[in-house]
Each structure stands twice: as C-alpha cells, then as structure tokens.
Amino acid sequence: MEIIAKDTHADVASMLDGFEYPAILVDTDYRILATNDLYLETFGAIDRSTPARCYAVSHGYDRPCDQAGEDCPLAATLASGKSERVLHIHQTPRGPEHVDVEMRPLKSPDGETRYFVELLKSVPVAGAIPSDQQMVGKSVAFNKMLELITRVAPDNAAVLLQGESGTGKELAARAIHQASRRGDKSLVTLECAGLTESLFESELFGYVKGAFTGANYNRPGLAQAANGGTLFLDEVGDIPLPLQVKLLRLIETGTYRPVGSTTPQSSDFRLVCATHRNLQQMVQQGKFREDLYYRINVFPIHVPRLQQRSEDIPLIAVALLAQLSSQHKLMANALSRLQCHPFEGNVRELRNLLSRAVVLSANPRIDAEVIDRAIAIGDHQAFSTDTERPTTTDEVDLDTLQQNYLQTLMERYQGDRTKVANIAGISERTLYRKLESRKPD
C-alpha cells in the first residue's frame, strides 16, 4: 500500500489491500489519497509532483470526467449514495486500456460520505490499441456495447446480439464467452443461415446410426459439444419455423433427442444468439415464435455499424492489416481516407478493401491512392453485374486493373476460385467471366 496524501487516515487506507483488484482511495475533491499494491503493479506509481486527482492520473484530464464529456463514477456515487460502475479507457504503462471502474462510497458513522474506494478491473476481451487477439475500439458506441458485454458476461443470462451483417457479432459472442465463468470450456458456433430443416436438426442434435440414408455411425451434435460452455447460434432468425419449437425445448429443459433416437440427452450451456433481422417484426408476421423470442432476448446488445464508430476505423484497419500481411503498413493519408468511406458492408467490407489494397500496392507502404484504387474496384458497377452497356475509356482501364487484381489473387491462392471470389466480394460466376475475358482471342 502507498499513502499519497499526508492527511489520509491510515486505518481507512489499510482496507485497500483487502481487495482482489487494483484499488485507490479518493476523497470528495477527487484526490487520490492511497493505493494498494495491485494498483502499483498494474498502473505504476503515481507522480506526486502535482496534486494526484483521479481524472488527471487516469485520463490526463484537467477537470472531472463528467465535465470532459464522459461519465464520472464519483459524481454518480455522490448523487445515488450507492456504488456505481462505468467503463473507462485509462492510461497505463502499456498504453490506453479499457477498465471497468466501480466506485464505492465509505460513509462515516454520522452518514456523511468522505471517502470512496475505486476498484479498477481490466477488460481483457477488448483493446483501445490495435490487436488481433480481441475486439478493438474506443468510440462512444463501441464503449457502450463493451460495457453491456462486461456486465452480462459473468451472468448466465441468454444474450441476443443485434446488428447488421459484418459488424462483428461473432467477435462479441466470443468476448462474452471468454469473460464468462465458462470461458475455459468450449464456444460452439452454429451458422443457421442457409441450413435445411434436416441439416439444422442433425447439426444441433446429432444423429444415431441408421437414422437416415448415409448415417453410418453415431454422430454427436453441437448441443452436446457445448455442454459446460457456450452455444452461439449465428443468424438465429433463419431457423426454420417447424424447428423453433425443438430449439425452445432444448433451451427450456436442457434436453434433446438425437435424430433417430428415442433416448433423451441433456446439455448445460450458456446461450448467445445473433441476428441482423428484426425478430420482433418477424414475430408479428408469424415467422418467428414469440415464446422463443422472449427466451433468447433476455439481454439484448446492439452491435453498432462501422459508420456509428468511425473513430475506430484506423484502429480496426491496422489490426486487420496485421492479420493480412506482416509487411504492409497503412500511411496516415490512407487511414484518413478509410475514415471517410461509408462502409455499408461494415468490418467485413473493410477487410475486403484492405485485401485488395495489399494486392494493388507496389510497395509495403499503402497510401491514399492505393485505397482509392481498391475502393474503385469494389464500387465499379460492371464488376458485379452481367448487364451489357456502353463503356468509356476510363472504365476499360478500370476493367484491366480489376482483371490484373483477380489474376494476382488467383496466383496467390493457387487457383482457389471460391476463396478468391470471397475476398473480391463477387460471385464465382462473375469471377469466371472476368478471368475468361482476359484471355486472348
């Protein structure tokens, strides 16, 4: 424990070492009076050359957080008279990090609040600097989502992640799992989009030998694989209506029967679902069971569009590029250009754009010009349509650029058309047509 202010009561400060998290003692004037050893290990010693106030030490502000555009846990605790929590980005020896802050008031025998204990819990599932191991962001929209994830993760409540395609709902589901009490068990994902009724049932519940033609052995389902861990149903709105009652039974009772079996089995899992559809509207239209909707929508979390968190685009872009290529680097003007792009396809579109930029760049330094060329390839109408129309000289040049780009991808991925079409954001049919048009007569 370290005593910062001389007028601190030692007996009050001594309680700090009893907490399992980094902790500081603060007075009503925001002064940090003492810290525990865990705080010193995590955040380092506090500079005593100036009055050590929590908002200055944690954020570098010259005024309290609520006067700098953020929520202030101390002000909230004073107003409510009880403990308050808020998600903040704190400055640490490792750089900015997300921290779950809990402020607890300490009341004197006469009922007056003179001191506060601030507990600082790290949020390892997200970062405020580029990383390929976690969600990345520091915008208001991202922090609101992360705060909800941090709150619900330790609970066992079912979570419904709602947001457009490509926003990162699967990353959010992984963060919930990792921060839960089941984090050391399996996270099992079932992609519900495009599955037939029979395939969905056999994937989720498994089947026994002889259940249908081709069932030559017993095959356990994902419900069994998720036992003790988390079951993530991606695009849950696409589950066929006749099977929704079986899913409801699994959620309510924890029991199911493999296809072709009369013996019930059980599974204990935490449920996380995701969808880009309006499930409430589907309920009104009779396309989604109302009882199932309320079972999976215990704790809804909105995953924001990339446009709603444009401040995060440079961080995400740097993290994605590191996954795509260790040699390439985004220049400042490229990051500025990316931040201005609308990204209707969200993070998935950003990743595709960066994949094109890596191929188009003549050197490891990706600048705004390369980004513009990558955007032009994706935006060109002729790139994704078979409609015949007159072409201009500029469009002919752009077609050549597109063909060169596709040919380079084909060489890089050893002729794997499915992978190349996915990276380029086009169908395999369009890819085939583009490659064929390149061949000499």
Protein backbone atom coordinates (compact mmCIF):
# COMPACT_ATOMS: atom_id res chain seq x y z
CA MET A 1 0.00 0.00 0.00
CA GLU A 2 1.15 3.53 -0.77
CA ILE A 3 -0.09 6.62 1.10
CA ILE A 4 -0.27 9.60 -1.28
CA ALA A 5 -1.73 12.38 0.89
CA LYS A 6 -0.40 13.18 4.36
CA ASP A 7 -3.84 13.81 5.85
CA THR A 8 -5.09 10.32 4.96
CA HIS A 9 -6.37 8.18 7.80
CA ALA A 10 -4.10 5.11 7.78
CA ASP A 11 -6.83 2.82 9.09
CA VAL A 12 -9.10 3.78 6.18
CA ALA A 13 -6.32 3.34 3.63
CA SER A 14 -5.31 -0.03 5.07
CA MET A 15 -8.51 -1.63 3.78
CA LEU A 16 -7.29 -1.29 0.18
CA ASP A 17 -5.00 -4.30 0.37
CA GLY A 18 -8.01 -6.47 1.17
CA PHE A 19 -9.39 -6.08 -2.36
CA GLU A 20 -8.57 -8.54 -5.16
CA TYR A 21 -8.42 -5.75 -7.76
CA PRO A 22 -6.28 -2.62 -8.15
CA ALA A 23 -7.81 -0.04 -5.80
CA ILE A 24 -7.39 3.61 -4.83
CA LEU A 25 -8.79 5.73 -2.03
CA VAL A 26 -10.33 9.01 -3.22
CA ASP A 27 -11.88 11.95 -1.38
CA THR A 28 -14.74 14.23 -2.46
CA ASP A 29 -12.24 16.56 -4.13
CA TYR A 30 -11.12 13.75 -6.49
CA ARG A 31 -7.74 13.49 -4.73
CA ILE A 32 -6.09 10.06 -4.73
CA LEU A 33 -5.11 9.52 -1.09
CA ALA A 34 -3.72 5.96 -1.23
CA THR A 35 -3.31 2.93 -3.49
CA ASN A 36 -2.98 -0.79 -2.89
CA ASP A 37 -0.09 -2.92 -4.14
CA LEU A 38 -2.15 -4.33 -7.01
CA TYR A 39 -2.66 -0.81 -8.33
CA LEU A 40 1.08 -0.16 -8.25
CA GLU A 41 1.75 -3.44 -10.10
CA THR A 42 -0.88 -2.73 -12.77
CA PHE A 43 -0.76 1.02 -13.30
CA GLY A 44 2.55 2.06 -11.74
CA ALA A 45 3.43 4.65 -9.08
CA ILE A 46 1.61 7.99 -9.04
CA ASP A 47 3.53 11.19 -9.73
CA ARG A 48 3.47 13.27 -6.54
CA SER A 49 4.85 16.46 -8.11
CA THR A 50 1.28 17.70 -8.68
CA PRO A 51 -1.95 17.06 -6.76
CA ALA A 52 -2.90 13.49 -7.69
CA ARG A 53 -6.51 13.66 -8.81
CA CYS A 54 -8.16 10.59 -10.31
CA TYR A 55 -9.23 12.23 -13.57
CA ALA A 56 -5.71 13.57 -14.22
CA VAL A 57 -3.90 10.33 -13.37
CA SER A 58 -6.26 8.01 -15.25
CA HIS A 59 -7.11 10.15 -18.28
CA GLY A 60 -4.84 13.16 -18.37
CA TYR A 61 -7.82 15.48 -17.98
CA ASP A 62 -7.67 18.86 -16.25
CA ARG A 63 -11.24 18.55 -15.00
CA PRO A 64 -13.57 15.78 -13.72
CA CYS A 65 -14.74 13.22 -16.26
CA ASP A 66 -18.33 14.47 -16.40
CA GLN A 67 -17.02 17.90 -17.40
CA ALA A 68 -14.89 16.32 -20.14
CA GLY A 69 -17.72 14.51 -21.91
CA GLU A 70 -17.60 11.19 -20.02
CA ASP A 71 -19.49 9.55 -17.19
CA CYS A 72 -17.96 10.17 -13.75
CA PRO A 73 -18.42 7.32 -11.26
CA LEU A 74 -17.63 9.58 -8.30
CA ALA A 75 -20.30 12.12 -9.26
CA ALA A 76 -22.77 9.28 -9.88
CA THR A 77 -22.00 7.75 -6.47
CA LEU A 78 -22.46 11.10 -4.72
CA ALA A 79 -25.82 11.50 -6.44
CA SER A 80 -27.12 7.99 -5.73
CA GLY A 81 -25.43 7.32 -2.39
CA LYS A 82 -24.52 3.80 -3.53
CA SER A 83 -21.87 2.02 -5.60
CA GLU A 84 -21.74 2.91 -9.29
CA ARG A 85 -19.92 1.36 -12.25
CA VAL A 86 -18.70 2.79 -15.55
CA LEU A 87 -16.44 1.66 -18.39
CA HIS A 88 -13.48 3.99 -18.99
CA ILE A 89 -10.29 4.00 -21.05
CA HIS A 90 -7.36 4.50 -18.68
CA GLN A 91 -3.78 5.42 -19.43
CA THR A 92 -1.45 2.60 -18.35
CA PRO A 93 2.26 1.80 -18.79
CA ARG A 94 1.14 -0.40 -21.71
CA GLY A 95 -0.91 2.35 -23.36
CA PRO A 96 -4.66 3.05 -23.21
CA GLU A 97 -6.74 0.16 -21.88
CA HIS A 98 -10.41 -0.48 -21.16
CA VAL A 99 -11.12 -0.61 -17.43
CA ASP A 100 -14.35 -1.46 -15.62
CA VAL A 101 -14.46 1.10 -12.79
CA GLU A 102 -16.52 0.52 -9.64
CA MET A 103 -16.82 3.39 -7.15
CA ARG A 104 -17.87 2.51 -3.60
CA PRO A 105 -18.77 5.20 -1.04
CA LEU A 106 -17.41 4.99 2.51
CA LYS A 107 -19.77 6.58 4.99
CA SER A 108 -18.86 7.87 8.42
CA PRO A 109 -20.95 6.97 11.50
CA ASP A 110 -22.97 10.16 11.01
CA GLY A 111 -23.88 9.07 7.45
CA GLU A 112 -21.60 11.51 5.63
CA THR A 113 -19.58 10.30 2.61
CA ARG A 114 -15.98 11.46 2.95
CA TYR A 115 -14.04 8.81 1.06
CA PHE A 116 -14.52 6.49 -1.91
CA VAL A 117 -12.85 3.24 -2.87
CA GLU A 118 -12.33 2.96 -6.62
CA LEU A 119 -11.81 -0.59 -7.94
CA LEU A 120 -10.28 -0.91 -11.41
CA LYS A 121 -10.94 -4.19 -13.22
CA SER A 122 -9.17 -4.75 -16.54
CA VAL A 123 -11.30 -5.75 -19.56
CA PRO A 124 -9.03 -8.18 -21.47
CA VAL A 125 -11.57 -9.00 -24.21
CA ALA A 126 -11.20 -5.58 -25.86
CA GLY A 127 -8.41 -3.15 -26.58
CA ALA A 128 -8.00 0.56 -27.26
CA ILE A 129 -4.95 -0.12 -29.43
CA PRO A 130 -4.69 -2.42 -32.49
CA SER A 131 -4.68 -6.12 -31.64
CA ASP A 132 -5.51 -9.33 -33.47
CA GLN A 133 -6.50 -11.08 -30.24
CA GLN A 134 -9.56 -9.05 -29.26
CA MET A 135 -12.19 -6.51 -30.23
CA VAL A 136 -10.72 -3.07 -30.87
CA GLY A 137 -12.27 0.34 -30.31
CA LYS A 138 -12.57 3.44 -28.17
CA SER A 139 -15.58 5.27 -29.63
CA VAL A 140 -18.67 6.04 -27.56
CA ALA A 141 -20.76 3.48 -29.48
CA PHE A 142 -18.13 0.76 -29.01
CA ASN A 143 -17.72 1.52 -25.31
CA LYS A 144 -21.49 1.34 -24.73
CA MET A 145 -21.57 -2.10 -26.32
CA LEU A 146 -18.48 -3.23 -24.39
CA GLU A 147 -19.94 -2.02 -21.11
CA LEU A 148 -23.01 -4.23 -21.66
CA ILE A 149 -20.80 -7.19 -22.58
CA THR A 150 -18.77 -6.64 -19.41
CA ARG A 151 -21.92 -6.54 -17.28
CA VAL A 152 -23.66 -9.61 -18.68
CA ALA A 153 -20.66 -11.89 -19.29
CA PRO A 154 -20.29 -13.19 -15.69
CA ASP A 155 -24.03 -13.94 -15.58
CA ASN A 156 -25.64 -16.95 -17.26
CA ALA A 157 -28.40 -14.95 -18.98
CA ALA A 158 -29.14 -15.59 -22.66
CA VAL A 159 -27.80 -12.80 -24.86
CA LEU A 160 -29.17 -11.62 -28.21
CA LEU A 161 -26.67 -9.71 -30.35
CA GLN A 162 -28.44 -7.49 -32.88
CA GLY A 163 -26.74 -5.68 -35.72
CA GLU A 164 -26.11 -5.54 -39.44
CA SER A 165 -24.10 -8.19 -41.26
CA GLY A 166 -20.37 -7.70 -40.97
CA THR A 167 -20.42 -5.69 -37.72
CA GLY A 168 -18.53 -8.29 -35.70
CA LYS A 169 -21.30 -10.09 -33.80
CA GLU A 170 -19.22 -13.28 -33.67
CA LEU A 171 -16.35 -11.37 -32.02
CA ALA A 172 -18.83 -10.01 -29.46
CA ALA A 173 -20.08 -13.53 -28.77
CA ARG A 174 -16.51 -14.72 -28.26
CA ALA A 175 -15.88 -11.83 -25.86
CA ILE A 176 -18.96 -12.76 -23.81
CA HIS A 177 -17.79 -16.37 -23.63
CA GLN A 178 -14.19 -15.51 -22.71
CA ALA A 179 -15.30 -13.18 -19.91
CA SER A 180 -17.82 -15.67 -18.52
CA ARG A 181 -17.42 -18.34 -15.88
CA ARG A 182 -17.47 -20.85 -18.76
CA GLY A 183 -14.51 -19.24 -20.52
CA ASP A 184 -12.28 -22.29 -20.01
CA LYS A 185 -14.82 -24.50 -21.83
CA SER A 186 -15.83 -24.64 -25.49
CA LEU A 187 -17.51 -21.92 -27.53
CA VAL A 188 -19.53 -23.84 -30.14
CA THR A 189 -20.92 -21.96 -33.15
CA LEU A 190 -23.80 -22.99 -35.41
CA GLU A 191 -24.29 -20.85 -38.51
CA CYS A 192 -28.07 -21.09 -39.00
CA ALA A 193 -28.32 -19.25 -42.35
CA GLY A 194 -28.95 -21.49 -45.32
CA LEU A 195 -29.49 -24.72 -43.38
CA THR A 196 -32.35 -27.01 -44.33
CA GLU A 197 -34.59 -28.38 -41.59
CA SER A 198 -32.94 -31.81 -41.64
CA LEU A 199 -29.41 -30.41 -41.72
CA PHE A 200 -30.11 -27.96 -38.88
CA GLU A 201 -31.56 -30.73 -36.71
CA SER A 202 -28.69 -33.15 -37.34
CA GLU A 203 -26.07 -30.43 -36.79
CA LEU A 204 -27.58 -29.26 -33.50
CA PHE A 205 -28.83 -32.53 -32.03
CA GLY A 206 -26.65 -35.08 -33.79
CA TYR A 207 -27.92 -38.43 -35.05
CA VAL A 208 -27.62 -42.16 -34.45
CA LYS A 209 -26.51 -44.84 -36.85
CA GLY A 210 -29.27 -45.75 -39.29
CA ALA A 211 -31.30 -42.57 -38.68
CA PHE A 212 -31.29 -41.85 -42.43
CA THR A 213 -29.51 -42.90 -45.58
CA GLY A 214 -25.81 -42.27 -45.15
CA ALA A 215 -25.94 -42.25 -41.33
CA ASN A 216 -23.34 -45.00 -40.95
CA TYR A 217 -22.28 -44.11 -37.42
CA ASN A 218 -23.41 -42.19 -34.35
CA ARG A 219 -22.58 -38.50 -34.63
CA PRO A 220 -22.89 -36.18 -31.60
CA GLY A 221 -24.39 -32.75 -32.24
CA LEU A 222 -23.26 -29.27 -31.30
CA ALA A 223 -25.61 -29.22 -28.30
CA GLN A 224 -23.50 -31.96 -26.75
CA ALA A 225 -20.24 -30.27 -27.78
CA ALA A 226 -21.37 -27.09 -26.00
CA ASN A 227 -22.03 -28.87 -22.69
CA GLY A 228 -20.39 -26.81 -19.95
CA GLY A 229 -19.57 -23.99 -22.37
CA THR A 230 -21.39 -21.59 -24.67
CA LEU A 231 -23.64 -22.31 -27.66
CA PHE A 232 -23.61 -19.49 -30.22
CA LEU A 233 -26.43 -19.53 -32.78
CA ASP A 234 -25.47 -17.12 -35.54
CA GLU A 235 -28.34 -15.72 -37.66
CA VAL A 236 -30.92 -17.29 -35.37
CA GLY A 237 -33.68 -15.57 -37.37
CA ASP A 238 -33.06 -18.04 -40.19
CA ILE A 239 -34.02 -21.12 -38.16
CA PRO A 240 -36.95 -22.89 -39.88
CA LEU A 241 -40.22 -22.29 -38.05
CA PRO A 242 -41.02 -26.03 -37.54
CA LEU A 243 -37.71 -26.48 -35.71
CA GLN A 244 -38.08 -23.49 -33.43
CA VAL A 245 -40.23 -25.48 -31.02
CA LYS A 246 -37.45 -28.09 -30.67
CA LEU A 247 -34.92 -25.35 -30.01
CA LEU A 248 -37.27 -23.85 -27.43
CA ARG A 249 -37.50 -27.23 -25.67
CA LEU A 250 -33.71 -27.51 -25.63
CA ILE A 251 -33.38 -24.03 -24.08
CA GLU A 252 -36.12 -24.54 -21.50
CA THR A 253 -35.29 -28.07 -20.36
CA GLY A 254 -31.68 -28.58 -21.44
CA THR A 255 -32.75 -31.85 -23.07
CA TYR A 256 -32.94 -33.09 -26.66
CA ARG A 257 -33.04 -36.29 -28.70
CA PRO A 258 -30.55 -37.02 -31.49
CA VAL A 259 -32.17 -37.66 -34.87
CA GLY A 260 -33.35 -41.28 -35.00
CA SER A 261 -33.07 -41.80 -31.24
CA THR A 262 -35.76 -42.18 -28.57
CA THR A 263 -33.31 -41.62 -25.70
CA PRO A 264 -33.20 -38.06 -24.35
CA GLN A 265 -29.86 -36.44 -23.63
CA SER A 266 -29.04 -33.31 -21.66
CA SER A 267 -26.66 -30.39 -22.06
CA ASP A 268 -25.81 -27.44 -19.82
CA PHE A 269 -24.74 -24.44 -21.86
CA ARG A 270 -24.90 -20.65 -21.95
CA LEU A 271 -26.87 -19.40 -24.98
CA VAL A 272 -25.76 -16.49 -27.16
CA CYS A 273 -27.66 -15.70 -30.36
CA ALA A 274 -27.07 -13.19 -33.14
CA THR A 275 -29.19 -11.83 -35.97
CA HIS A 276 -29.36 -8.99 -38.49
CA ARG A 277 -33.13 -9.45 -38.78
CA ASN A 278 -35.91 -7.64 -36.90
CA LEU A 279 -37.13 -10.56 -34.81
CA GLN A 280 -39.92 -8.57 -33.21
CA GLN A 281 -41.33 -7.83 -36.64
CA MET A 282 -40.95 -11.49 -37.61
CA VAL A 283 -42.96 -12.44 -34.51
CA GLN A 284 -45.76 -10.12 -35.61
CA GLN A 285 -45.65 -11.67 -39.08
CA GLY A 286 -45.83 -15.19 -37.67
CA LYS A 287 -42.34 -16.10 -38.94
CA PHE A 288 -40.71 -16.44 -35.51
CA ARG A 289 -42.19 -17.94 -32.36
CA GLU A 290 -42.99 -15.35 -29.71
CA ASP A 291 -42.10 -17.68 -26.82
CA LEU A 292 -38.71 -18.44 -28.39
CA TYR A 293 -38.09 -14.74 -28.97
CA TYR A 294 -38.50 -13.94 -25.29
CA ARG A 295 -36.32 -16.90 -24.26
CA ILE A 296 -33.36 -15.74 -26.35
CA ASN A 297 -33.88 -12.00 -25.85
CA VAL A 298 -33.15 -11.90 -22.12
CA PHE A 299 -30.27 -9.45 -22.52
CA PRO A 300 -30.19 -7.68 -25.92
CA ILE A 301 -27.00 -5.95 -27.08
CA HIS A 302 -26.82 -3.73 -30.16
CA VAL A 303 -23.62 -4.16 -32.19
CA PRO A 304 -23.10 -0.77 -33.90
CA ARG A 305 -22.46 -0.18 -37.58
CA LEU A 306 -18.96 0.84 -38.58
CA GLN A 307 -20.34 4.26 -39.57
CA GLN A 308 -21.52 4.73 -35.98
CA ARG A 309 -17.96 4.20 -34.74
CA SER A 310 -15.89 5.88 -37.47
CA GLU A 311 -13.38 6.93 -34.80
CA ASP A 312 -12.43 3.24 -34.53
CA ILE A 313 -11.77 2.67 -38.25
CA PRO A 314 -8.00 3.41 -38.07
CA LEU A 315 -7.59 1.03 -35.10
CA ILE A 316 -9.57 -1.74 -36.79
CA ALA A 317 -7.80 -1.21 -40.12
CA VAL A 318 -4.35 -1.53 -38.57
CA ALA A 319 -5.40 -4.67 -36.68
CA LEU A 320 -6.93 -6.26 -39.80
CA LEU A 321 -3.93 -5.41 -41.98
CA ALA A 322 -1.62 -7.11 -39.46
CA GLN A 323 -3.65 -10.29 -39.97
CA LEU A 324 -3.50 -10.00 -43.77
CA SER A 325 0.16 -9.03 -44.18
CA SER A 326 3.01 -8.50 -41.75
CA GLN A 327 4.97 -6.49 -44.34
CA HIS A 328 2.43 -3.81 -45.23
CA LYS A 329 1.71 -0.59 -43.35
CA LEU A 330 -1.05 2.00 -43.70
CA MET A 331 0.08 5.58 -44.17
CA ALA A 332 -1.64 8.45 -42.35
CA ASN A 333 -3.40 9.67 -45.52
CA ALA A 334 -4.68 6.14 -46.16
CA LEU A 335 -6.17 5.97 -42.66
CA SER A 336 -7.83 9.35 -43.20
CA ARG A 337 -9.27 8.13 -46.49
CA LEU A 338 -10.63 4.98 -44.88
CA GLN A 339 -12.25 7.02 -42.12
CA CYS A 340 -14.26 8.94 -44.73
CA HIS A 341 -15.57 5.85 -46.52
CA PRO A 342 -19.19 4.85 -45.68
CA PHE A 343 -18.52 1.07 -45.36
CA GLU A 344 -22.05 -0.16 -45.96
CA GLY A 345 -20.67 -3.69 -45.52
CA ASN A 346 -19.15 -2.76 -42.15
CA VAL A 347 -16.00 -4.50 -40.88
CA ARG A 348 -16.29 -7.25 -43.49
CA GLU A 349 -16.15 -4.65 -46.27
CA LEU A 350 -13.14 -3.00 -44.61
CA ARG A 351 -11.30 -6.32 -44.53
CA ASN A 352 -12.05 -6.97 -48.21
CA LEU A 353 -10.89 -3.48 -49.14
CA LEU A 354 -7.60 -3.98 -47.29
CA SER A 355 -7.12 -7.35 -49.02
CA ARG A 356 -7.40 -5.58 -52.38
CA ALA A 357 -5.04 -2.83 -51.22
CA VAL A 358 -2.35 -5.37 -50.29
CA VAL A 359 -2.52 -6.83 -53.80
CA LEU A 360 -2.59 -3.44 -55.55
CA SER A 361 0.23 -1.82 -53.55
CA ALA A 362 3.57 -1.74 -55.35
CA ASN A 363 5.42 -1.48 -52.02
CA PRO A 364 4.68 -2.13 -48.33
CA ARG A 365 3.51 1.45 -47.76
CA ILE A 366 -0.21 1.62 -48.53
CA ASP A 367 -1.21 5.22 -49.18
CA ALA A 368 -4.49 7.00 -50.03
CA GLU A 369 -4.01 6.44 -53.76
CA VAL A 370 -3.91 2.68 -53.28
CA ILE A 371 -7.00 2.85 -51.08
CA ASP A 372 -8.84 4.85 -53.78
CA ARG A 373 -7.94 2.22 -56.38
CA ALA A 374 -9.15 -0.55 -54.08
CA ILE A 375 -12.41 1.33 -53.49
CA ALA A 376 -12.85 1.90 -57.23
CA ILE A 377 -12.59 -1.82 -57.90
CA GLY A 378 -15.28 -2.57 -55.35
CA ASP A 379 -17.58 0.25 -56.46
CA HIS A 380 -17.39 -0.33 -60.24
CA GLN A 381 -20.86 -1.38 -61.42
CA ALA A 382 -19.58 -3.65 -64.17
CA PHE A 383 -17.59 -5.62 -61.58
CA SER A 384 -20.68 -7.29 -60.12
CA THR A 385 -23.24 -7.32 -62.95
CA ASP A 386 -23.68 -9.07 -66.25
CA THR A 387 -25.68 -6.21 -67.80
CA GLU A 388 -24.33 -5.11 -71.16
CA ARG A 389 -23.86 -1.34 -71.57
CA PRO A 390 -21.53 1.05 -73.41
CA THR A 391 -18.14 1.54 -71.71
CA THR A 392 -15.89 4.57 -71.54
CA THR A 393 -12.10 4.61 -71.85
CA ASP A 394 -11.80 5.07 -68.08
CA GLU A 395 -13.99 2.02 -67.49
CA VAL A 396 -11.90 -0.07 -69.90
CA ASP A 397 -8.77 0.91 -67.94
CA LEU A 398 -10.52 0.02 -64.70
CA ASP A 399 -11.58 -3.35 -66.14
CA THR A 400 -7.92 -4.07 -66.90
CA LEU A 401 -7.00 -3.13 -63.33
CA GLN A 402 -9.70 -5.42 -61.99
CA GLN A 403 -8.57 -8.31 -64.15
CA ASN A 404 -4.95 -7.84 -63.07
CA TYR A 405 -6.10 -7.80 -59.46
CA LEU A 406 -8.10 -11.03 -59.86
CA GLN A 407 -5.26 -12.75 -61.66
CA THR A 408 -2.87 -11.82 -58.86
CA LEU A 409 -5.30 -13.26 -56.30
CA MET A 410 -5.61 -16.47 -58.32
CA GLU A 411 -1.84 -16.87 -58.32
CA ARG A 412 -1.55 -16.08 -54.60
CA TYR A 413 -4.24 -18.62 -53.65
CA GLN A 414 -3.19 -21.35 -56.11
CA GLY A 415 -6.29 -21.05 -58.30
CA ASP A 416 -8.82 -21.43 -55.46
CA ARG A 417 -11.79 -19.69 -57.11
CA THR A 418 -14.05 -19.91 -54.07
CA LYS A 419 -11.52 -18.13 -51.85
CA VAL A 420 -10.67 -15.53 -54.50
CA ALA A 421 -14.33 -14.74 -55.16
CA ASN A 422 -14.95 -14.35 -51.42
CA ILE A 423 -12.00 -11.95 -50.99
CA ALA A 424 -13.01 -9.92 -54.05
CA GLY A 425 -16.63 -9.75 -52.93
CA ILE A 426 -18.06 -11.23 -56.13
CA SER A 427 -19.72 -14.46 -57.20
CA GLU A 428 -17.73 -17.33 -58.67
CA ARG A 429 -19.69 -16.88 -61.90
CA THR A 430 -18.58 -13.25 -62.18
CA LEU A 431 -15.01 -14.26 -61.34
CA TYR A 432 -15.06 -16.87 -64.11
CA ARG A 433 -16.41 -14.34 -66.62
CA LYS A 434 -13.76 -11.77 -65.68
CA LEU A 435 -10.93 -14.25 -65.99
CA GLU A 436 -12.23 -15.59 -69.31
CA SER A 437 -12.48 -12.08 -70.76
CA ARG A 438 -8.77 -11.62 -70.07
CA LYS A 439 -7.76 -14.49 -72.32
CA PRO A 440 -6.55 -13.57 -75.84
CA ASP A 441 -8.79 -14.44 -78.79
